[in-house]
Amino acid sequence: MLYSILIKTEKILIIFEMALHPLFNVAQANCRLDYRQRENRAFFITIFKHIYFMGQKGCSRTALEFCKILLRFAAFLNNFF
């Protein structure tokens, strides 16, 4: 069961990656997504679930890297960084 859910979340992340603009770069600090906008919530929830399943699988380093990506996207944290 966990394996099939993990595969589905990975497929959803690939679909989201294909939908992003080619100039959208996660490595730059200027890319922000607002969770309060309804269109962005599915992206945040999918990344969060992927972090959870990676932790369950024992891939803590991968979960940490995805957590860093999630924090980079969070627009509400602009005031703190």
N, C-alpha and C. Protein backbone atom coordinates (compact mmCIF):
# COMPACT_ATOMS: atom_id res chain seq x y z
N MET A 1 0.83 -1.19 0.00
CA MET A 1 0.00 0.00 0.00
C MET A 1 0.87 1.25 0.00
N LEU A 2 1.87 1.30 0.87
CA LEU A 2 2.74 2.47 0.95
C LEU A 2 3.50 2.66 -0.35
N TYR A 3 3.92 1.55 -0.97
CA TYR A 3 4.67 1.64 -2.22
C TYR A 3 3.83 2.23 -3.33
N SER A 4 2.57 1.83 -3.44
CA SER A 4 1.72 2.35 -4.51
C SER A 4 1.41 3.84 -4.30
N ILE A 5 1.23 4.26 -3.05
CA ILE A 5 0.99 5.68 -2.78
C ILE A 5 2.24 6.50 -3.09
N LEU A 6 3.41 5.95 -2.77
CA LEU A 6 4.66 6.63 -3.07
C LEU A 6 4.84 6.80 -4.57
N ILE A 7 4.52 5.78 -5.34
CA ILE A 7 4.61 5.85 -6.80
C ILE A 7 3.66 6.92 -7.34
N LYS A 8 2.45 6.98 -6.79
CA LYS A 8 1.48 7.98 -7.25
C LYS A 8 1.93 9.40 -6.93
N THR A 9 2.49 9.61 -5.74
CA THR A 9 2.97 10.96 -5.42
C THR A 9 4.15 11.35 -6.30
N GLU A 10 5.01 10.40 -6.64
CA GLU A 10 6.12 10.70 -7.54
C GLU A 10 5.61 11.06 -8.93
N LYS A 11 4.57 10.38 -9.39
CA LYS A 11 3.99 10.71 -10.69
C LYS A 11 3.36 12.09 -10.67
N ILE A 12 2.71 12.44 -9.57
CA ILE A 12 2.10 13.77 -9.46
C ILE A 12 3.18 14.84 -9.45
N LEU A 13 4.29 14.58 -8.77
CA LEU A 13 5.39 15.55 -8.76
C LEU A 13 5.99 15.73 -10.16
N ILE A 14 6.05 14.67 -10.94
CA ILE A 14 6.54 14.77 -12.31
C ILE A 14 5.59 15.62 -13.15
N ILE A 15 4.29 15.43 -12.95
CA ILE A 15 3.30 16.23 -13.67
C ILE A 15 3.43 17.70 -13.29
N PHE A 16 3.59 18.00 -12.01
CA PHE A 16 3.79 19.38 -11.58
C PHE A 16 5.06 19.97 -12.18
N GLU A 17 6.12 19.17 -12.23
CA GLU A 17 7.37 19.65 -12.79
C GLU A 17 7.23 19.97 -14.28
N MET A 18 6.47 19.17 -14.99
CA MET A 18 6.25 19.42 -16.41
C MET A 18 5.39 20.66 -16.63
N ALA A 19 4.54 21.01 -15.66
CA ALA A 19 3.66 22.16 -15.80
C ALA A 19 4.34 23.48 -15.47
N LEU A 20 5.48 23.44 -14.82
CA LEU A 20 6.18 24.68 -14.45
C LEU A 20 6.79 25.36 -15.67
N HIS A 21 6.92 26.65 -15.58
CA HIS A 21 7.54 27.43 -16.65
C HIS A 21 9.01 27.06 -16.75
N PRO A 22 9.56 27.05 -17.96
CA PRO A 22 10.98 26.67 -18.12
C PRO A 22 11.95 27.57 -17.36
N LEU A 23 11.60 28.82 -17.14
CA LEU A 23 12.49 29.72 -16.42
C LEU A 23 12.29 29.67 -14.91
N PHE A 24 11.36 28.87 -14.44
CA PHE A 24 11.11 28.72 -13.01
C PHE A 24 12.21 27.84 -12.44
N ASN A 25 13.05 28.44 -11.59
CA ASN A 25 14.21 27.73 -11.05
C ASN A 25 14.11 27.68 -9.53
N VAL A 26 14.12 26.48 -9.00
CA VAL A 26 14.01 26.29 -7.55
C VAL A 26 15.27 26.78 -6.84
N ALA A 27 16.40 26.71 -7.50
CA ALA A 27 17.66 27.08 -6.88
C ALA A 27 17.76 28.59 -6.62
N GLN A 28 17.00 29.38 -7.33
CA GLN A 28 17.02 30.82 -7.11
C GLN A 28 16.10 31.15 -5.94
N ALA A 29 16.42 32.21 -5.25
CA ALA A 29 15.64 32.59 -4.08
C ALA A 29 14.40 33.41 -4.45
N ASN A 30 14.19 33.71 -5.72
CA ASN A 30 13.07 34.55 -6.09
C ASN A 30 11.82 33.79 -6.51
N CYS A 31 11.82 32.50 -6.41
CA CYS A 31 10.61 31.73 -6.76
C CYS A 31 9.82 31.45 -5.49
N ARG A 32 8.62 31.96 -5.46
CA ARG A 32 7.74 31.80 -4.30
C ARG A 32 6.36 31.38 -4.77
N LEU A 33 5.72 30.54 -4.02
CA LEU A 33 4.34 30.15 -4.25
C LEU A 33 3.56 30.42 -2.97
N ASP A 34 2.42 31.00 -3.11
CA ASP A 34 1.61 31.33 -1.94
C ASP A 34 0.63 30.19 -1.66
N TYR A 35 0.70 29.65 -0.46
CA TYR A 35 -0.19 28.54 -0.09
C TYR A 35 -1.64 29.00 -0.02
N ARG A 36 -1.86 30.26 0.26
CA ARG A 36 -3.23 30.75 0.38
C ARG A 36 -3.98 30.75 -0.94
N GLN A 37 -3.26 30.72 -2.05
CA GLN A 37 -3.92 30.61 -3.35
C GLN A 37 -4.30 29.15 -3.57
N ARG A 38 -5.52 28.96 -3.94
CA ARG A 38 -6.07 27.60 -4.06
C ARG A 38 -5.32 26.75 -5.08
N GLU A 39 -4.84 27.35 -6.13
CA GLU A 39 -4.16 26.60 -7.19
C GLU A 39 -2.84 25.99 -6.72
N ASN A 40 -2.22 26.60 -5.73
CA ASN A 40 -0.90 26.14 -5.26
C ASN A 40 -0.99 25.10 -4.15
N ARG A 41 -2.13 24.93 -3.55
CA ARG A 41 -2.25 24.03 -2.39
C ARG A 41 -1.94 22.58 -2.74
N ALA A 42 -2.37 22.13 -3.91
CA ALA A 42 -2.11 20.74 -4.30
C ALA A 42 -0.61 20.49 -4.40
N PHE A 43 0.12 21.47 -4.88
CA PHE A 43 1.58 21.33 -4.99
C PHE A 43 2.23 21.19 -3.62
N PHE A 44 1.83 22.04 -2.67
CA PHE A 44 2.38 21.98 -1.31
C PHE A 44 2.01 20.66 -0.63
N ILE A 45 0.77 20.25 -0.76
CA ILE A 45 0.31 19.01 -0.12
C ILE A 45 1.03 17.80 -0.69
N THR A 46 1.23 17.79 -2.01
CA THR A 46 1.93 16.67 -2.63
C THR A 46 3.38 16.60 -2.17
N ILE A 47 4.06 17.74 -2.09
CA ILE A 47 5.44 17.73 -1.61
C ILE A 47 5.48 17.28 -0.15
N PHE A 48 4.54 17.75 0.66
CA PHE A 48 4.51 17.34 2.06
C PHE A 48 4.29 15.83 2.20
N LYS A 49 3.38 15.28 1.41
CA LYS A 49 3.15 13.83 1.47
C LYS A 49 4.37 13.06 0.99
N HIS A 50 5.06 13.61 -0.01
CA HIS A 50 6.27 12.95 -0.50
C HIS A 50 7.35 12.95 0.59
N ILE A 51 7.45 14.05 1.32
CA ILE A 51 8.39 14.12 2.44
C ILE A 51 8.05 13.06 3.48
N TYR A 52 6.77 12.94 3.79
CA TYR A 52 6.33 11.96 4.78
C TYR A 52 6.66 10.53 4.34
N PHE A 53 6.39 10.21 3.08
CA PHE A 53 6.63 8.84 2.60
C PHE A 53 8.12 8.55 2.46
N MET A 54 8.90 9.56 2.13
CA MET A 54 10.35 9.35 2.09
C MET A 54 10.89 9.07 3.49
N GLY A 55 10.34 9.75 4.48
CA GLY A 55 10.74 9.48 5.87
C GLY A 55 10.34 8.09 6.31
N GLN A 56 9.15 7.65 5.91
CA GLN A 56 8.70 6.30 6.24
C GLN A 56 9.57 5.24 5.56
N LYS A 57 10.04 5.56 4.38
CA LYS A 57 10.86 4.62 3.61
C LYS A 57 12.29 4.55 4.13
N GLY A 58 12.70 5.54 4.94
CA GLY A 58 14.05 5.54 5.50
C GLY A 58 15.00 6.43 4.75
N CYS A 59 14.50 7.24 3.85
CA CYS A 59 15.34 8.15 3.07
C CYS A 59 15.28 9.53 3.71
N SER A 60 15.92 9.67 4.84
CA SER A 60 15.81 10.91 5.60
C SER A 60 16.51 12.08 4.90
N ARG A 61 17.60 11.82 4.21
CA ARG A 61 18.32 12.90 3.51
C ARG A 61 17.46 13.45 2.37
N THR A 62 16.80 12.57 1.63
CA THR A 62 15.91 13.01 0.55
C THR A 62 14.74 13.80 1.11
N ALA A 63 14.20 13.34 2.23
CA ALA A 63 13.10 14.07 2.88
C ALA A 63 13.56 15.45 3.33
N LEU A 64 14.79 15.56 3.82
CA LEU A 64 15.33 16.85 4.23
C LEU A 64 15.47 17.79 3.04
N GLU A 65 15.95 17.28 1.91
CA GLU A 65 16.11 18.12 0.72
C GLU A 65 14.76 18.61 0.20
N PHE A 66 13.76 17.75 0.22
CA PHE A 66 12.42 18.17 -0.19
C PHE A 66 11.84 19.17 0.81
N CYS A 67 12.18 19.04 2.06
CA CYS A 67 11.73 20.00 3.06
C CYS A 67 12.34 21.37 2.81
N LYS A 68 13.60 21.40 2.40
CA LYS A 68 14.24 22.65 2.04
C LYS A 68 13.55 23.30 0.85
N ILE A 69 13.18 22.48 -0.14
CA ILE A 69 12.47 22.99 -1.31
C ILE A 69 11.11 23.56 -0.90
N LEU A 70 10.43 22.85 -0.03
CA LEU A 70 9.12 23.32 0.44
C LEU A 70 9.24 24.64 1.17
N LEU A 71 10.27 24.81 1.98
CA LEU A 71 10.48 26.07 2.68
C LEU A 71 10.86 27.21 1.73
N ARG A 72 11.56 26.88 0.66
CA ARG A 72 11.89 27.90 -0.33
C ARG A 72 10.66 28.42 -1.06
N PHE A 73 9.71 27.54 -1.30
CA PHE A 73 8.49 27.94 -2.00
C PHE A 73 7.56 28.77 -1.12
N ALA A 74 7.65 28.60 0.18
CA ALA A 74 6.68 29.22 1.07
C ALA A 74 6.83 30.74 1.06
N ALA A 75 5.83 31.40 0.53
CA ALA A 75 5.88 32.87 0.42
C ALA A 75 5.62 33.54 1.76
N PHE A 76 4.92 32.87 2.67
CA PHE A 76 4.60 33.49 3.95
C PHE A 76 5.82 33.59 4.85
N LEU A 77 6.92 32.94 4.49
CA LEU A 77 8.14 33.01 5.29
C LEU A 77 9.08 34.12 4.82
N ASN A 78 8.65 34.93 3.85
CA ASN A 78 9.51 36.00 3.34
C ASN A 78 9.96 36.97 4.43
N ASN A 79 9.12 37.18 5.40
CA ASN A 79 9.46 38.14 6.45
C ASN A 79 10.54 37.62 7.38
N PHE A 80 10.74 36.32 7.43
CA PHE A 80 11.68 35.74 8.37
C PHE A 80 13.06 35.54 7.75
N PHE A 81 13.16 35.46 6.44
CA PHE A 81 14.46 35.20 5.80
C PHE A 81 14.89 36.39 4.99
